[in-house]
Amino acid sequence: MSLHPSLKVDTAGAQQRTVLTRIERIKDLMKKDLWHDEHAVTGLPKTKIIKVKAAKKEKKEEEGTEGEGAASAVAEKK
């Protein structure tokens, strides 16, 4: 059976979440060694969310030379 198109999850339109769940906040505090088992799970301190930006790829300078090389290769064949 196939999945109806309206039920598919589109990851391209997904946005960065601004709120972490309680478990995610506890795991973050554990990574920073700020969590102890004696702490209550309510009233957790705020945790900063780091937004990851995708780096833009720079255009290669060689692209212009490749076009010239292709033109000279075509001229040699004639």
N, C-alpha and C. Protein backbone atom coordinates (compact mmCIF):
# COMPACT_ATOMS: atom_id res chain seq x y z
N MET A 1 0.83 -1.18 0.00
CA MET A 1 0.00 0.00 0.00
C MET A 1 0.87 1.24 0.00
N SER A 2 0.40 2.24 -0.65
CA SER A 2 1.15 3.49 -0.68
C SER A 2 0.56 4.48 0.34
N LEU A 3 1.35 5.47 0.66
CA LEU A 3 0.94 6.49 1.61
C LEU A 3 0.32 7.66 0.88
N HIS A 4 -0.80 8.14 1.37
CA HIS A 4 -1.47 9.27 0.73
C HIS A 4 -0.58 10.50 0.81
N PRO A 5 -0.48 11.30 -0.27
CA PRO A 5 0.42 12.46 -0.28
C PRO A 5 0.17 13.47 0.84
N SER A 6 -1.06 13.57 1.31
CA SER A 6 -1.36 14.54 2.37
C SER A 6 -0.81 14.08 3.72
N LEU A 7 -0.46 12.82 3.86
CA LEU A 7 0.04 12.29 5.12
C LEU A 7 1.56 12.26 5.19
N LYS A 8 2.23 12.57 4.10
CA LYS A 8 3.69 12.56 4.08
C LYS A 8 4.23 13.77 4.83
N VAL A 9 5.35 13.59 5.49
CA VAL A 9 5.98 14.66 6.24
C VAL A 9 6.96 15.38 5.33
N ASP A 10 6.80 16.69 5.22
CA ASP A 10 7.67 17.49 4.38
C ASP A 10 8.76 18.09 5.27
N THR A 11 10.00 17.63 5.13
CA THR A 11 11.09 18.13 5.95
C THR A 11 11.66 19.42 5.41
N ALA A 12 11.36 19.76 4.17
CA ALA A 12 11.91 20.98 3.58
C ALA A 12 11.32 22.22 4.24
N GLY A 13 10.08 22.16 4.68
CA GLY A 13 9.43 23.30 5.28
C GLY A 13 9.54 23.35 6.80
N ALA A 14 10.29 22.41 7.37
CA ALA A 14 10.42 22.35 8.83
C ALA A 14 11.22 23.54 9.34
N GLN A 15 10.77 24.10 10.46
CA GLN A 15 11.45 25.24 11.04
C GLN A 15 12.15 24.83 12.33
N GLN A 16 13.06 25.67 12.77
CA GLN A 16 13.77 25.45 14.02
C GLN A 16 12.79 25.63 15.17
N ARG A 17 12.77 24.65 16.09
CA ARG A 17 11.89 24.76 17.24
C ARG A 17 12.49 25.73 18.24
N THR A 18 11.65 26.46 18.94
CA THR A 18 12.13 27.43 19.92
C THR A 18 11.93 26.95 21.35
N VAL A 19 11.25 25.83 21.54
CA VAL A 19 10.98 25.32 22.87
C VAL A 19 11.44 23.87 22.94
N LEU A 20 12.18 23.54 24.01
CA LEU A 20 12.63 22.17 24.22
C LEU A 20 11.68 21.46 25.18
N THR A 21 11.57 20.16 25.02
CA THR A 21 10.79 19.38 25.97
C THR A 21 11.58 19.24 27.26
N ARG A 22 10.92 18.78 28.31
CA ARG A 22 11.58 18.62 29.61
C ARG A 22 12.76 17.66 29.50
N ILE A 23 12.57 16.56 28.79
CA ILE A 23 13.63 15.56 28.64
C ILE A 23 14.83 16.16 27.90
N GLU A 24 14.56 16.92 26.84
CA GLU A 24 15.65 17.55 26.09
C GLU A 24 16.41 18.55 26.95
N ARG A 25 15.71 19.28 27.81
CA ARG A 25 16.37 20.23 28.69
C ARG A 25 17.23 19.51 29.73
N ILE A 26 16.72 18.38 30.26
CA ILE A 26 17.50 17.61 31.23
C ILE A 26 18.75 17.04 30.57
N LYS A 27 18.63 16.53 29.34
CA LYS A 27 19.79 15.99 28.63
C LYS A 27 20.82 17.07 28.36
N ASP A 28 20.34 18.28 28.03
CA ASP A 28 21.25 19.40 27.80
C ASP A 28 21.99 19.76 29.08
N LEU A 29 21.28 19.76 30.21
CA LEU A 29 21.91 20.06 31.50
C LEU A 29 22.91 18.96 31.88
N MET A 30 22.61 17.71 31.52
CA MET A 30 23.54 16.60 31.80
C MET A 30 24.84 16.77 31.01
N LYS A 31 24.72 17.20 29.75
CA LYS A 31 25.91 17.42 28.93
C LYS A 31 26.79 18.50 29.52
N LYS A 32 26.16 19.53 30.14
CA LYS A 32 26.91 20.64 30.72
C LYS A 32 27.30 20.38 32.17
N ASP A 33 27.02 19.18 32.68
CA ASP A 33 27.30 18.78 34.07
C ASP A 33 26.62 19.70 35.07
N LEU A 34 25.41 20.16 34.76
CA LEU A 34 24.64 21.00 35.66
C LEU A 34 23.46 20.26 36.27
N TRP A 35 23.28 18.99 35.93
CA TRP A 35 22.15 18.21 36.42
C TRP A 35 22.62 17.21 37.47
N HIS A 36 21.88 17.16 38.58
CA HIS A 36 22.14 16.18 39.63
C HIS A 36 20.84 15.45 39.90
N ASP A 37 20.94 14.20 40.33
CA ASP A 37 19.73 13.40 40.55
C ASP A 37 18.85 13.95 41.67
N GLU A 38 19.40 14.78 42.52
CA GLU A 38 18.62 15.34 43.63
C GLU A 38 17.69 16.46 43.17
N HIS A 39 17.92 17.02 41.99
CA HIS A 39 17.10 18.12 41.49
C HIS A 39 15.69 17.65 41.15
N ALA A 40 14.74 18.55 41.31
CA ALA A 40 13.36 18.26 40.90
C ALA A 40 13.24 18.48 39.40
N VAL A 41 12.32 17.74 38.79
CA VAL A 41 12.15 17.86 37.34
C VAL A 41 11.30 19.07 36.97
N THR A 42 10.68 19.68 37.96
CA THR A 42 9.92 20.90 37.69
C THR A 42 10.78 22.10 38.05
N GLY A 43 10.53 23.21 37.40
CA GLY A 43 11.30 24.42 37.68
C GLY A 43 12.72 24.36 37.16
N LEU A 44 12.90 23.74 35.99
CA LEU A 44 14.24 23.63 35.41
C LEU A 44 14.74 24.99 34.95
N PRO A 45 16.04 25.22 34.99
CA PRO A 45 16.57 26.48 34.47
C PRO A 45 16.43 26.53 32.96
N LYS A 46 16.42 27.74 32.43
CA LYS A 46 16.31 27.93 30.99
C LYS A 46 17.58 27.45 30.31
N THR A 47 17.43 26.92 29.11
CA THR A 47 18.58 26.50 28.31
C THR A 47 18.53 27.23 26.99
N LYS A 48 19.69 27.66 26.54
CA LYS A 48 19.77 28.41 25.30
C LYS A 48 19.75 27.44 24.12
N ILE A 49 18.97 27.78 23.11
CA ILE A 49 18.88 26.97 21.91
C ILE A 49 19.80 27.58 20.87
N ILE A 50 20.69 26.77 20.34
CA ILE A 50 21.63 27.24 19.32
C ILE A 50 21.03 26.97 17.96
N LYS A 51 20.88 28.03 17.18
CA LYS A 51 20.35 27.89 15.83
C LYS A 51 21.50 27.60 14.88
N VAL A 52 21.33 26.57 14.08
CA VAL A 52 22.36 26.17 13.13
C VAL A 52 21.98 26.73 11.77
N LYS A 53 22.90 27.48 11.18
CA LYS A 53 22.67 28.03 9.85
C LYS A 53 23.52 27.25 8.86
N ALA A 54 22.94 26.97 7.72
CA ALA A 54 23.67 26.28 6.66
C ALA A 54 24.63 27.26 6.00
N ALA A 55 25.85 26.80 5.79
CA ALA A 55 26.86 27.64 5.15
C ALA A 55 26.59 27.69 3.65
N LYS A 56 26.73 28.86 3.09
CA LYS A 56 26.54 29.01 1.65
C LYS A 56 27.80 28.55 0.93
N LYS A 57 27.62 27.82 -0.14
CA LYS A 57 28.75 27.37 -0.93
C LYS A 57 29.19 28.49 -1.85
N GLU A 58 30.49 28.72 -1.88
CA GLU A 58 31.02 29.75 -2.77
C GLU A 58 31.21 29.17 -4.16
N LYS A 59 30.96 29.99 -5.16
CA LYS A 59 31.14 29.52 -6.53
C LYS A 59 32.62 29.39 -6.82
N LYS A 60 32.94 28.32 -7.52
CA LYS A 60 34.34 28.09 -7.87
C LYS A 60 34.76 29.05 -8.97
N GLU A 61 35.99 29.50 -8.90
CA GLU A 61 36.51 30.39 -9.94
C GLU A 61 36.82 29.62 -11.21
N GLU A 62 36.91 28.32 -11.10
CA GLU A 62 37.27 27.49 -12.24
C GLU A 62 36.10 27.30 -13.21
N GLU A 63 34.89 27.65 -12.80
CA GLU A 63 33.73 27.44 -13.68
C GLU A 63 33.88 28.21 -14.99
N GLY A 64 34.42 29.41 -14.94
CA GLY A 64 34.61 30.21 -16.15
C GLY A 64 35.66 29.58 -17.05
N THR A 65 36.69 28.99 -16.48
CA THR A 65 37.74 28.39 -17.29
C THR A 65 37.28 27.08 -17.91
N GLU A 66 36.36 26.37 -17.24
CA GLU A 66 35.86 25.12 -17.81
C GLU A 66 35.09 25.38 -19.10
N GLY A 67 34.33 26.46 -19.15
CA GLY A 67 33.58 26.80 -20.36
C GLY A 67 34.50 27.13 -21.50
N GLU A 68 35.61 27.80 -21.22
CA GLU A 68 36.58 28.13 -22.26
C GLU A 68 37.26 26.86 -22.76
N GLY A 69 37.56 25.95 -21.85
CA GLY A 69 38.21 24.70 -22.23
C GLY A 69 37.30 23.85 -23.09
N ALA A 70 36.01 23.85 -22.78
CA ALA A 70 35.05 23.08 -23.57
C ALA A 70 34.93 23.68 -24.96
N ALA A 71 34.97 24.99 -25.06
CA ALA A 71 34.87 25.65 -26.38
C ALA A 71 36.09 25.32 -27.21
N SER A 72 37.27 25.29 -26.61
CA SER A 72 38.47 24.97 -27.38
C SER A 72 38.50 23.51 -27.79
N ALA A 73 37.92 22.63 -26.96
CA ALA A 73 37.86 21.20 -27.30
C ALA A 73 36.95 20.99 -28.51
N VAL A 74 35.84 21.73 -28.57
CA VAL A 74 34.92 21.61 -29.69
C VAL A 74 35.59 22.13 -30.95
N ALA A 75 36.38 23.21 -30.85
CA ALA A 75 37.06 23.77 -32.01
C ALA A 75 38.11 22.79 -32.55
N GLU A 76 38.76 22.04 -31.65
CA GLU A 76 39.78 21.06 -32.07
C GLU A 76 39.16 19.91 -32.84
N LYS A 77 37.94 19.50 -32.49
CA LYS A 77 37.27 18.39 -33.14
C LYS A 77 36.90 18.73 -34.58
N LYS A 78 36.64 20.00 -34.87
CA LYS A 78 36.20 20.41 -36.22
C LYS A 78 37.33 20.44 -37.12
